[in-house]
N, C-alpha and C. Protein backbone atom coordinates (compact mmCIF):
# COMPACT_ATOMS: atom_id res chain seq x y z
N MET A 1 115.96 -73.04 49.66
CA MET A 1 116.93 -72.89 49.14
C MET A 1 117.38 -73.98 47.97
N ASN A 2 116.56 -73.20 47.10
CA ASN A 2 117.11 -74.09 45.73
C ASN A 2 117.91 -74.29 44.75
N ASP A 3 118.58 -72.86 44.83
CA ASP A 3 119.41 -72.65 43.79
C ASP A 3 120.65 -73.69 43.53
N GLU A 4 121.15 -74.11 42.88
CA GLU A 4 122.04 -74.94 43.04
C GLU A 4 123.07 -74.31 43.60
N THR A 5 123.68 -73.83 43.09
CA THR A 5 125.02 -72.98 43.49
C THR A 5 124.69 -72.79 45.26
N GLU A 6 123.69 -71.76 45.25
CA GLU A 6 123.65 -71.88 46.78
C GLU A 6 123.38 -73.36 47.97
N LEU A 7 122.93 -74.44 47.32
CA LEU A 7 123.23 -75.31 47.85
C LEU A 7 124.47 -75.98 47.71
N ILE A 8 125.16 -75.49 47.01
CA ILE A 8 126.57 -75.71 47.07
C ILE A 8 127.62 -75.67 47.80
N GLN A 9 127.32 -74.29 48.18
CA GLN A 9 127.99 -73.51 48.76
C GLN A 9 127.43 -73.55 50.45
N ALA A 10 126.52 -73.89 50.52
CA ALA A 10 125.72 -74.26 51.93
C ALA A 10 126.54 -75.66 52.60
N ALA A 11 126.59 -76.26 51.49
CA ALA A 11 126.87 -77.97 51.83
C ALA A 11 128.86 -77.84 52.08
N THR A 12 129.60 -76.88 51.12
CA THR A 12 131.05 -77.00 51.86
C THR A 12 130.96 -75.74 52.84
N ARG A 13 130.16 -75.19 53.42
CA ARG A 13 129.86 -74.79 54.90
C ARG A 13 129.81 -75.93 55.98
N GLY A 14 129.43 -76.70 55.17
CA GLY A 14 129.07 -78.02 56.38
C GLY A 14 127.54 -78.24 56.66
N ASP A 15 126.68 -77.42 55.99
CA ASP A 15 125.33 -77.78 55.50
C ASP A 15 124.94 -79.00 55.54
N ARG A 16 124.78 -80.07 56.02
CA ARG A 16 124.45 -81.46 55.19
C ARG A 16 123.13 -81.29 54.91
N GLY A 17 121.94 -80.71 55.60
CA GLY A 17 120.68 -80.59 54.67
C GLY A 17 121.00 -79.65 53.42
N ALA A 18 121.95 -79.25 53.21
CA ALA A 18 122.00 -78.74 51.64
C ALA A 18 122.30 -80.03 50.66
N PHE A 19 123.35 -80.80 50.84
CA PHE A 19 123.91 -81.69 50.54
C PHE A 19 122.88 -82.70 50.37
N GLU A 20 121.73 -83.34 51.49
CA GLU A 20 120.94 -84.24 51.24
C GLU A 20 120.03 -83.74 49.76
N VAL A 21 119.60 -82.48 49.71
CA VAL A 21 119.27 -81.64 48.90
C VAL A 21 119.73 -82.31 47.58
N LEU A 22 120.81 -81.87 47.52
CA LEU A 22 121.58 -82.31 46.55
C LEU A 22 121.63 -83.75 45.76
N VAL A 23 121.54 -84.45 46.95
CA VAL A 23 121.61 -85.91 46.88
C VAL A 23 120.15 -86.52 46.13
N ARG A 24 119.26 -86.11 46.69
CA ARG A 24 117.71 -86.46 46.15
C ARG A 24 117.70 -85.92 45.25
N ARG A 25 118.23 -84.56 45.04
CA ARG A 25 117.93 -84.02 43.27
C ARG A 25 118.57 -85.26 42.03
N TYR A 26 119.77 -85.61 42.51
CA TYR A 26 120.38 -86.49 41.35
C TYR A 26 120.47 -87.97 41.66
N GLN A 27 120.37 -88.27 42.73
CA GLN A 27 120.51 -90.12 43.30
C GLN A 27 119.57 -90.91 42.11
N ASP A 28 118.71 -90.49 41.33
CA ASP A 28 117.57 -91.75 40.95
C ASP A 28 118.49 -91.20 39.57
N ARG A 29 118.48 -90.08 38.93
CA ARG A 29 119.10 -90.15 37.46
C ARG A 29 120.30 -90.79 37.28
N LEU A 30 121.44 -90.64 38.47
CA LEU A 30 122.99 -91.08 38.38
C LEU A 30 122.67 -92.20 38.33
N TYR A 31 121.85 -93.38 39.20
CA TYR A 31 121.38 -94.56 39.60
C TYR A 31 121.40 -95.21 38.16
N THR A 32 119.94 -94.66 37.27
CA THR A 32 119.88 -94.57 36.19
C THR A 32 120.84 -95.00 35.39
N ALA A 33 122.05 -94.11 35.07
CA ALA A 33 122.86 -94.25 34.46
C ALA A 33 124.10 -94.93 34.42
N VAL A 34 124.05 -95.09 36.10
CA VAL A 34 125.28 -96.08 36.50
C VAL A 34 124.82 -97.78 36.05
N VAL A 35 123.54 -97.51 36.31
CA VAL A 35 123.16 -99.11 35.93
C VAL A 35 123.33 -99.55 34.38
N HIS A 36 123.34 -98.67 33.55
CA HIS A 36 123.72 -98.71 32.18
C HIS A 36 125.18 -98.96 31.86
N ILE A 37 125.68 -98.20 32.91
CA ILE A 37 127.45 -99.09 32.74
C ILE A 37 128.11 -99.95 33.06
N VAL A 38 127.41 -100.53 34.94
CA VAL A 38 128.00 -101.61 35.23
C VAL A 38 127.31 -102.45 35.21
N GLY A 39 125.65 -102.35 34.34
CA GLY A 39 124.68 -103.74 34.02
C GLY A 39 124.31 -104.36 35.39
N CYS A 40 124.30 -103.92 36.13
CA CYS A 40 123.97 -104.56 37.71
C CYS A 40 123.33 -103.50 38.85
N ARG A 41 122.44 -103.90 39.28
CA ARG A 41 121.32 -102.44 40.35
C ARG A 41 122.20 -103.25 41.58
N SER A 42 122.40 -104.14 42.38
CA SER A 42 123.47 -103.84 43.30
C SER A 42 124.60 -102.81 43.32
N GLU A 43 125.32 -103.14 42.09
CA GLU A 43 126.53 -102.68 41.94
C GLU A 43 126.35 -101.54 41.67
N ALA A 44 125.44 -100.83 40.82
CA ALA A 44 124.93 -99.54 40.41
C ALA A 44 124.84 -98.50 42.14
N GLU A 45 124.35 -99.26 42.81
CA GLU A 45 123.72 -98.84 44.40
C GLU A 45 125.07 -98.65 44.79
N ASP A 46 125.75 -99.72 44.93
CA ASP A 46 127.38 -99.34 45.72
C ASP A 46 128.01 -98.28 45.13
N VAL A 47 128.34 -98.10 43.80
CA VAL A 47 128.82 -96.78 43.05
C VAL A 47 128.56 -95.48 42.96
N VAL A 48 126.77 -95.29 43.50
CA VAL A 48 126.17 -94.08 43.25
C VAL A 48 126.40 -93.87 44.88
N GLN A 49 126.57 -94.65 45.65
CA GLN A 49 127.01 -94.53 47.30
C GLN A 49 128.09 -94.35 47.65
N ASP A 50 129.01 -94.74 46.99
CA ASP A 50 130.78 -94.31 47.04
C ASP A 50 130.77 -92.93 45.92
N ALA A 51 129.95 -92.70 45.19
CA ALA A 51 130.19 -91.54 44.64
C ALA A 51 129.80 -90.11 45.28
N PHE A 52 128.43 -90.27 46.14
CA PHE A 52 128.25 -89.23 46.83
C PHE A 52 129.27 -88.79 47.74
N VAL A 53 129.63 -89.93 48.06
CA VAL A 53 130.40 -90.23 49.46
C VAL A 53 131.95 -88.97 49.33
N GLN A 54 132.52 -89.43 47.68
CA GLN A 54 133.62 -88.54 47.70
C GLN A 54 133.32 -87.61 46.74
N ALA A 55 131.68 -87.43 46.77
CA ALA A 55 131.87 -85.77 46.18
C ALA A 55 131.40 -84.84 47.32
N TYR A 56 130.59 -85.23 48.14
CA TYR A 56 130.82 -84.39 49.71
C TYR A 56 132.21 -84.74 50.60
N VAL A 57 133.11 -85.41 50.30
CA VAL A 57 134.36 -85.26 50.57
C VAL A 57 134.81 -84.25 49.44
N LYS A 58 134.81 -84.19 48.57
CA LYS A 58 135.17 -83.20 47.33
C LYS A 58 134.98 -81.97 47.18
N LEU A 59 133.74 -81.71 48.10
CA LEU A 59 132.90 -81.03 47.51
C LEU A 59 133.49 -79.20 47.35
N ASP A 60 134.35 -78.93 48.28
CA ASP A 60 135.29 -78.19 47.95
C ASP A 60 136.43 -77.55 46.33
N THR A 61 136.76 -78.87 45.94
CA THR A 61 136.90 -78.88 44.70
C THR A 61 136.27 -78.32 43.92
N PHE A 62 135.26 -78.32 43.85
CA PHE A 62 133.98 -77.93 42.85
C PHE A 62 134.21 -76.62 42.23
N LYS A 63 134.67 -76.70 40.92
CA LYS A 63 135.09 -75.20 40.19
C LYS A 63 133.60 -74.41 39.61
N HIS A 64 132.65 -74.92 39.16
CA HIS A 64 131.84 -74.45 39.09
C HIS A 64 132.12 -74.06 37.48
N GLN A 65 132.54 -74.45 36.64
CA GLN A 65 133.19 -74.51 35.43
C GLN A 65 132.15 -75.15 34.78
N SER A 66 131.50 -76.45 35.54
CA SER A 66 130.45 -77.57 34.75
C SER A 66 129.27 -77.03 35.63
N ARG A 67 128.17 -77.95 34.99
CA ARG A 67 127.09 -77.84 35.82
C ARG A 67 127.47 -79.58 37.08
N PHE A 68 126.64 -79.29 38.44
CA PHE A 68 127.02 -80.38 39.62
C PHE A 68 126.92 -81.40 39.03
N TYR A 69 126.04 -82.12 38.15
CA TYR A 69 125.38 -83.32 37.69
C TYR A 69 126.96 -83.83 36.86
N THR A 70 127.67 -82.96 35.74
CA THR A 70 128.47 -83.15 35.12
C THR A 70 129.73 -83.61 35.77
N TRP A 71 130.05 -82.88 36.63
CA TRP A 71 130.70 -83.25 37.62
C TRP A 71 130.88 -84.35 38.82
N LEU A 72 129.40 -84.48 39.17
CA LEU A 72 128.94 -85.63 40.20
C LEU A 72 129.43 -87.22 39.25
N TYR A 73 128.85 -87.36 37.77
CA TYR A 73 128.27 -88.04 36.71
C TYR A 73 129.78 -88.54 36.61
N ARG A 74 131.11 -87.93 36.44
CA ARG A 74 132.51 -87.95 36.27
C ARG A 74 132.95 -88.88 37.58
N ILE A 75 132.69 -88.69 38.84
CA ILE A 75 133.08 -89.19 40.19
C ILE A 75 132.53 -90.24 40.24
N ALA A 76 130.97 -90.36 39.72
CA ALA A 76 130.61 -91.89 39.62
C ALA A 76 131.05 -92.96 38.39
N PHE A 77 131.43 -92.62 37.42
CA PHE A 77 132.03 -93.06 35.93
C PHE A 77 133.58 -93.58 36.65
N ASN A 78 134.37 -92.42 37.36
CA ASN A 78 135.40 -93.15 38.25
C ASN A 78 135.56 -94.32 38.99
N VAL A 79 134.80 -94.28 39.70
CA VAL A 79 134.20 -95.15 40.71
C VAL A 79 134.13 -96.23 40.22
N SER A 80 133.21 -96.36 39.26
CA SER A 80 132.58 -97.48 38.46
C SER A 80 134.04 -98.63 37.74
N ILE A 81 134.61 -97.64 37.33
CA ILE A 81 135.92 -98.18 36.84
C ILE A 81 137.14 -98.84 38.21
N SER A 82 137.30 -97.70 38.92
CA SER A 82 138.32 -98.46 39.49
C SER A 82 137.97 -99.71 40.61
N ARG A 83 136.39 -99.53 40.48
CA ARG A 83 135.89 -101.01 41.15
C ARG A 83 135.98 -102.02 40.31
N ARG A 84 135.61 -101.84 39.00
CA ARG A 84 135.87 -103.48 38.21
C ARG A 84 137.43 -103.81 37.74
N ARG A 85 138.33 -102.44 38.03
CA ARG A 85 139.50 -102.70 38.00
C ARG A 85 140.21 -103.58 39.48
N ARG A 86 139.75 -103.44 40.25
CA ARG A 86 140.02 -103.78 41.54
C ARG A 86 139.71 -105.44 41.61
N ARG A 87 138.18 -105.36 41.33
CA ARG A 87 137.64 -106.98 41.24
C ARG A 87 138.07 -107.95 40.30
N ARG A 88 138.29 -107.53 38.66
CA ARG A 88 138.40 -107.88 37.85
C ARG A 88 137.92 -109.74 37.71
N ARG A 89 136.42 -109.10 37.70
CA ARG A 89 136.09 -110.16 37.53
C ARG A 89 135.59 -110.49 36.42
N VAL A 90 134.97 -112.11 36.27
CA VAL A 90 134.88 -112.80 35.30
C VAL A 90 133.43 -111.78 34.46
N GLU A 91 133.60 -111.13 33.24
CA GLU A 91 132.45 -110.38 32.23
C GLU A 91 131.38 -111.67 32.30
N VAL A 92 129.99 -111.31 32.93
CA VAL A 92 129.05 -112.08 32.71
C VAL A 92 128.14 -111.12 31.64
N SER A 93 127.33 -112.53 30.50
CA SER A 93 127.05 -111.89 29.57
C SER A 93 126.25 -110.72 29.74
N TRP A 94 125.23 -110.22 28.94
CA TRP A 94 124.31 -108.95 29.08
C TRP A 94 123.61 -109.59 29.34
N ASP A 95 122.74 -110.85 29.27
CA ASP A 95 121.38 -111.38 29.62
C ASP A 95 121.36 -111.97 31.09
N GLU A 96 122.68 -112.64 31.67
CA GLU A 96 122.88 -112.56 32.98
C GLU A 96 122.69 -111.11 33.68
N SER A 97 123.44 -110.16 33.46
CA SER A 97 123.61 -108.79 33.73
C SER A 97 121.88 -108.36 34.09
N ARG A 98 121.38 -108.76 33.02
CA ARG A 98 120.25 -108.08 32.78
C ARG A 98 119.01 -108.66 34.04
N GLU A 99 119.52 -110.25 34.26
CA GLU A 99 118.74 -111.12 34.92
C GLU A 99 119.17 -110.28 36.62
N LEU A 100 120.19 -110.14 36.68
CA LEU A 100 120.89 -109.47 38.22
C LEU A 100 120.01 -108.07 38.39
N ALA A 101 119.83 -107.59 37.47
CA ALA A 101 119.22 -106.23 37.36
C ALA A 101 118.06 -106.73 37.67
N GLY A 102 117.50 -107.58 37.48
CA GLY A 102 115.69 -107.42 37.74
C GLY A 102 114.83 -106.60 36.62
N GLU A 103 115.46 -106.62 35.39
CA GLU A 103 114.74 -105.55 34.48
C GLU A 103 113.97 -106.30 33.54
N GLU A 104 112.57 -105.67 33.13
CA GLU A 104 111.66 -106.66 32.65
C GLU A 104 110.96 -105.60 31.97
N PRO A 105 110.84 -106.33 30.56
CA PRO A 105 110.16 -105.31 29.75
C PRO A 105 108.49 -104.54 30.59
N VAL A 106 108.32 -103.66 30.14
CA VAL A 106 107.09 -102.75 30.81
C VAL A 106 106.00 -103.25 29.52
N ASP A 107 105.43 -103.15 30.29
CA ASP A 107 103.87 -103.31 29.23
C ASP A 107 103.11 -101.64 28.85
N SER A 108 103.44 -101.26 27.26
CA SER A 108 102.93 -99.76 27.38
C SER A 108 101.47 -99.97 27.13
N GLY A 109 100.63 -100.88 26.91
CA GLY A 109 99.31 -100.86 26.85
C GLY A 109 98.77 -100.84 25.17
N GLU A 110 100.04 -100.84 24.84
CA GLU A 110 99.68 -101.26 22.75
C GLU A 110 99.10 -102.65 22.80
N SER A 111 99.00 -102.70 21.73
CA SER A 111 98.13 -104.48 21.05
C SER A 111 99.21 -105.48 21.73
N PRO A 112 98.71 -106.33 21.52
CA PRO A 112 99.48 -107.88 22.33
C PRO A 112 100.81 -107.98 21.70
N MET A 113 101.14 -107.65 20.11
CA MET A 113 101.86 -108.15 19.82
C MET A 113 103.36 -107.07 19.87
N ASP A 114 102.78 -105.91 20.03
CA ASP A 114 103.41 -104.57 20.19
C ASP A 114 104.57 -104.59 21.08
N PRO A 115 103.96 -105.47 22.49
CA PRO A 115 105.00 -105.10 23.52
C PRO A 115 106.03 -106.62 23.42
N LEU A 116 105.86 -107.31 23.05
CA LEU A 116 106.40 -108.87 22.28
C LEU A 116 107.63 -108.10 21.47
N GLU A 117 107.18 -107.59 20.31
CA GLU A 117 108.29 -107.41 19.30
C GLU A 117 109.38 -106.14 20.06
N GLN A 118 108.47 -105.24 20.68
CA GLN A 118 109.46 -104.44 21.70
C GLN A 118 110.46 -105.06 22.75
N ALA A 119 110.05 -105.60 23.28
CA ALA A 119 110.69 -106.94 24.51
C ALA A 119 111.92 -107.38 23.25
N GLU A 120 111.46 -108.11 22.48
CA GLU A 120 112.61 -108.48 22.13
C GLU A 120 113.35 -107.74 21.22
N ARG A 121 113.46 -106.37 20.60
CA ARG A 121 114.40 -105.97 20.35
C ARG A 121 114.81 -105.04 21.12
N ARG A 122 114.36 -104.76 22.58
CA ARG A 122 115.26 -104.23 23.50
C ARG A 122 115.86 -105.26 23.89
N GLN A 123 115.62 -106.75 24.12
CA GLN A 123 116.96 -107.22 24.30
C GLN A 123 117.92 -107.90 23.42
N LEU A 124 117.54 -107.46 22.10
CA LEU A 124 118.56 -107.80 21.05
C LEU A 124 119.79 -106.77 21.39
N LEU A 125 118.54 -105.07 21.44
CA LEU A 125 119.72 -104.08 21.67
C LEU A 125 120.51 -104.32 23.29
N GLU A 126 119.85 -104.84 24.04
CA GLU A 126 120.88 -105.24 25.34
C GLU A 126 122.04 -106.09 25.24
N GLN A 127 121.69 -107.43 24.14
CA GLN A 127 122.82 -107.88 24.05
C GLN A 127 123.75 -107.15 22.97
N ALA A 128 123.15 -106.67 21.71
CA ALA A 128 124.49 -106.20 21.32
C ALA A 128 125.11 -104.84 22.12
N MET A 129 124.91 -104.14 22.88
CA MET A 129 125.73 -103.40 23.52
C MET A 129 125.91 -104.00 24.96
N GLY A 130 126.02 -104.77 25.29
CA GLY A 130 126.83 -106.05 26.48
C GLY A 130 128.08 -106.52 25.26
N ARG A 131 128.14 -106.64 23.85
CA ARG A 131 128.75 -106.96 23.07
C ARG A 131 130.15 -105.95 22.99
N LEU A 132 129.53 -104.61 23.24
CA LEU A 132 130.82 -103.33 22.79
C LEU A 132 131.52 -103.35 23.85
N THR A 133 132.59 -102.74 23.94
CA THR A 133 133.60 -102.72 24.87
C THR A 133 133.50 -101.73 25.65
N GLU A 134 134.14 -101.31 26.86
CA GLU A 134 133.76 -100.50 27.69
C GLU A 134 133.87 -98.76 27.44
N GLU A 135 134.56 -98.80 26.67
CA GLU A 135 134.98 -97.51 26.02
C GLU A 135 133.59 -97.09 25.17
N HIS A 136 133.02 -98.03 24.21
CA HIS A 136 132.07 -97.70 23.49
C HIS A 136 130.55 -98.07 24.41
N ARG A 137 130.49 -98.75 25.60
CA ARG A 137 129.16 -98.46 25.63
C ARG A 137 129.27 -97.08 26.90
N SER A 138 129.88 -96.88 27.36
CA SER A 138 130.11 -96.06 27.83
C SER A 138 129.78 -94.92 27.30
N ILE A 139 130.23 -94.31 26.27
CA ILE A 139 129.84 -93.46 25.27
C ILE A 139 128.68 -93.38 24.83
N ILE A 140 127.94 -94.20 24.72
CA ILE A 140 126.94 -94.40 24.00
C ILE A 140 125.93 -93.93 24.81
N VAL A 141 126.39 -94.89 26.48
CA VAL A 141 125.30 -94.07 27.18
C VAL A 141 125.33 -92.76 27.20
N LEU A 142 126.52 -92.35 27.59
CA LEU A 142 126.40 -90.91 27.94
C LEU A 142 125.87 -89.86 26.79
N ARG A 143 125.96 -90.38 25.84
CA ARG A 143 125.40 -89.84 24.35
C ARG A 143 123.53 -89.65 24.39
N HIS A 144 123.48 -90.86 24.38
CA HIS A 144 122.10 -91.10 24.05
C HIS A 144 121.10 -91.63 24.97
N LEU A 145 121.48 -91.86 26.30
CA LEU A 145 120.62 -91.95 27.05
C LEU A 145 120.52 -91.13 28.41
N GLU A 146 121.79 -90.48 28.63
CA GLU A 146 122.08 -89.63 29.17
C GLU A 146 122.02 -87.89 28.73
N GLU A 147 121.84 -88.00 27.38
CA GLU A 147 121.57 -86.69 26.63
C GLU A 147 122.57 -85.76 26.70
N PHE A 148 123.95 -86.00 27.40
CA PHE A 148 124.83 -85.35 27.55
C PHE A 148 125.61 -84.73 26.28
N SER A 149 126.02 -83.53 26.23
CA SER A 149 126.33 -82.96 24.84
C SER A 149 127.86 -83.32 24.75
N TYR A 150 128.28 -82.76 23.69
CA TYR A 150 129.77 -83.47 22.92
C TYR A 150 130.68 -82.67 24.09
N GLU A 151 130.59 -81.70 24.70
CA GLU A 151 131.52 -81.21 25.37
C GLU A 151 131.26 -81.64 26.82
N GLU A 152 130.34 -82.01 27.14
CA GLU A 152 130.26 -82.65 28.51
C GLU A 152 130.69 -83.65 28.48
N ILE A 153 130.45 -84.70 27.73
CA ILE A 153 131.14 -85.86 27.71
C ILE A 153 132.49 -85.54 27.33
N ALA A 154 133.19 -84.63 26.95
CA ALA A 154 134.70 -84.53 26.65
C ALA A 154 135.27 -84.05 28.01
N GLU A 155 134.31 -83.48 28.90
CA GLU A 155 134.90 -83.32 29.98
C GLU A 155 134.53 -84.47 31.41
N ILE A 156 133.69 -85.38 31.12
CA ILE A 156 133.34 -86.43 32.09
C ILE A 156 134.44 -87.71 31.42
N LEU A 157 134.73 -87.59 30.16
CA LEU A 157 135.76 -88.41 29.72
C LEU A 157 137.06 -88.01 29.65
N VAL A 158 137.48 -86.91 30.27
CA VAL A 158 138.61 -86.07 29.99
C VAL A 158 139.53 -86.28 28.56
N ILE A 159 138.62 -86.03 27.56
CA ILE A 159 139.22 -86.28 26.25
C ILE A 159 138.66 -85.44 25.64
N SER A 160 139.44 -84.96 24.62
CA SER A 160 138.95 -83.74 23.46
C SER A 160 137.32 -84.08 23.12
N VAL A 161 136.72 -83.05 22.20
CA VAL A 161 135.52 -82.92 21.36
C VAL A 161 135.59 -83.68 20.27
N GLY A 162 136.72 -83.85 19.52
CA GLY A 162 136.82 -84.60 18.58
C GLY A 162 136.98 -86.15 18.28
N THR A 163 137.53 -86.16 19.95
CA THR A 163 137.37 -88.08 20.31
C THR A 163 136.49 -87.88 20.42
N VAL A 164 135.43 -87.27 21.25
CA VAL A 164 134.46 -88.11 21.17
C VAL A 164 133.37 -88.11 20.07
N ARG A 165 133.55 -87.12 19.47
CA ARG A 165 132.95 -87.54 18.24
C ARG A 165 133.12 -89.01 17.17
N SER A 166 134.63 -89.00 17.08
CA SER A 166 135.22 -90.35 16.46
C SER A 166 134.77 -91.31 17.47
N ARG A 167 134.84 -91.17 18.29
CA ARG A 167 134.77 -92.79 19.67
C ARG A 167 133.21 -92.79 19.73
N LEU A 168 132.19 -91.78 19.74
CA LEU A 168 131.13 -91.72 18.85
C LEU A 168 130.44 -92.90 18.07
N HIS A 169 131.36 -92.05 16.67
CA HIS A 169 131.20 -92.95 15.46
C HIS A 169 131.46 -94.45 15.78
N ARG A 170 132.49 -94.67 16.04
CA ARG A 170 133.09 -95.96 16.29
C ARG A 170 132.07 -96.78 16.66
N ALA A 171 131.98 -96.31 18.05
CA ALA A 171 131.04 -96.74 19.29
C ALA A 171 129.76 -97.36 18.48
N ARG A 172 129.20 -96.20 17.41
CA ARG A 172 127.56 -96.75 16.56
C ARG A 172 127.80 -97.56 15.73
N ALA A 173 129.03 -97.47 14.93
CA ALA A 173 129.73 -98.61 14.16
C ALA A 173 129.38 -99.51 14.98
N ALA A 174 129.89 -100.02 15.67
CA ALA A 174 129.94 -101.47 16.30
C ALA A 174 129.06 -101.88 16.63
N LEU A 175 128.12 -101.14 17.20
CA LEU A 175 126.56 -101.64 17.59
C LEU A 175 125.84 -101.76 16.44
N LEU A 176 125.32 -101.03 15.62
CA LEU A 176 124.77 -101.78 14.13
C LEU A 176 126.02 -102.94 14.16
N GLY A 177 126.98 -103.16 14.21
CA GLY A 177 127.52 -104.11 13.49
C GLY A 177 126.81 -105.54 14.34
N HIS A 178 126.77 -105.53 15.58
CA HIS A 178 126.15 -106.38 16.50
C HIS A 178 124.45 -106.34 16.42
N LEU A 179 124.32 -105.62 16.21
CA LEU A 179 122.62 -105.78 16.25
C LEU A 179 122.53 -106.86 14.24
N GLN A 180 123.50 -106.08 13.42
CA GLN A 180 122.83 -106.83 12.33
C GLN A 180 123.69 -108.53 12.11
N GLN A 181 124.29 -108.40 12.95
CA GLN A 181 124.76 -109.88 13.48
C GLN A 181 123.67 -110.77 14.43
N LEU A 182 122.93 -110.28 15.11
CA LEU A 182 121.77 -111.09 15.98
C LEU A 182 120.85 -110.61 15.22
N MET A 183 120.70 -109.78 14.65
CA MET A 183 119.39 -109.75 13.38
C MET A 183 119.94 -110.51 11.92
N PRO A 184 120.22 -111.38 11.47
CA PRO A 184 120.63 -111.15 9.98
C PRO A 184 120.13 -111.28 9.21
N ASP A 185 118.63 -111.12 9.09
CA ASP A 185 117.16 -111.68 8.43
C ASP A 185 116.35 -110.06 8.39
N GLU A 186 116.89 -109.34 9.28
CA GLU A 186 115.94 -107.91 9.25
C GLU A 186 117.22 -106.63 8.78
N THR A 187 116.45 -105.67 8.52
CA THR A 187 116.89 -104.62 8.21
C THR A 187 116.47 -103.91 9.52
N VAL A 188 118.11 -103.45 10.20
CA VAL A 188 118.17 -103.02 11.36
C VAL A 188 117.60 -101.01 11.66
N PHE A 189 118.36 -100.82 10.60
CA PHE A 189 117.80 -99.08 10.63
C PHE A 189 117.62 -98.92 9.34
């Protein structure tokens, strides 16, 4: 049983094994996306776990009008927002959240200077992303990291496609502005 629709139907009937297949299929992708949204690996683990629990409980409400992952992502997105609102904790800088997340630049086997330059650009991009509002950071992650279509983003964020386009345009402009502040002597794009 590999077809997603069959798995969902079986899970809705109480087949836990079918839901486990769905979890295994999407957990890594969802976790990676949530890490970019919340900025902390342990927080992302909690959000993903809560999202899968909610998805299991609400599986009978899935209408098959979108892809299962889109529906699941929307649940995880809502969980992350709810957790953030409940805690109202002090925002940490992007650098601090990167340290907490344990992310390190990966050596791609290129010349000795290339990985250093890439790591520096990645760090500057992460700093610029950290300066974005949650709204702008989320839409950048959805479009450019998760590669959702405008229609899927609209569904996830419960906004119109036109709003997705304008919000994405403003988010890109804000990101470019932050990058230009961080790299005043270089041409950003």
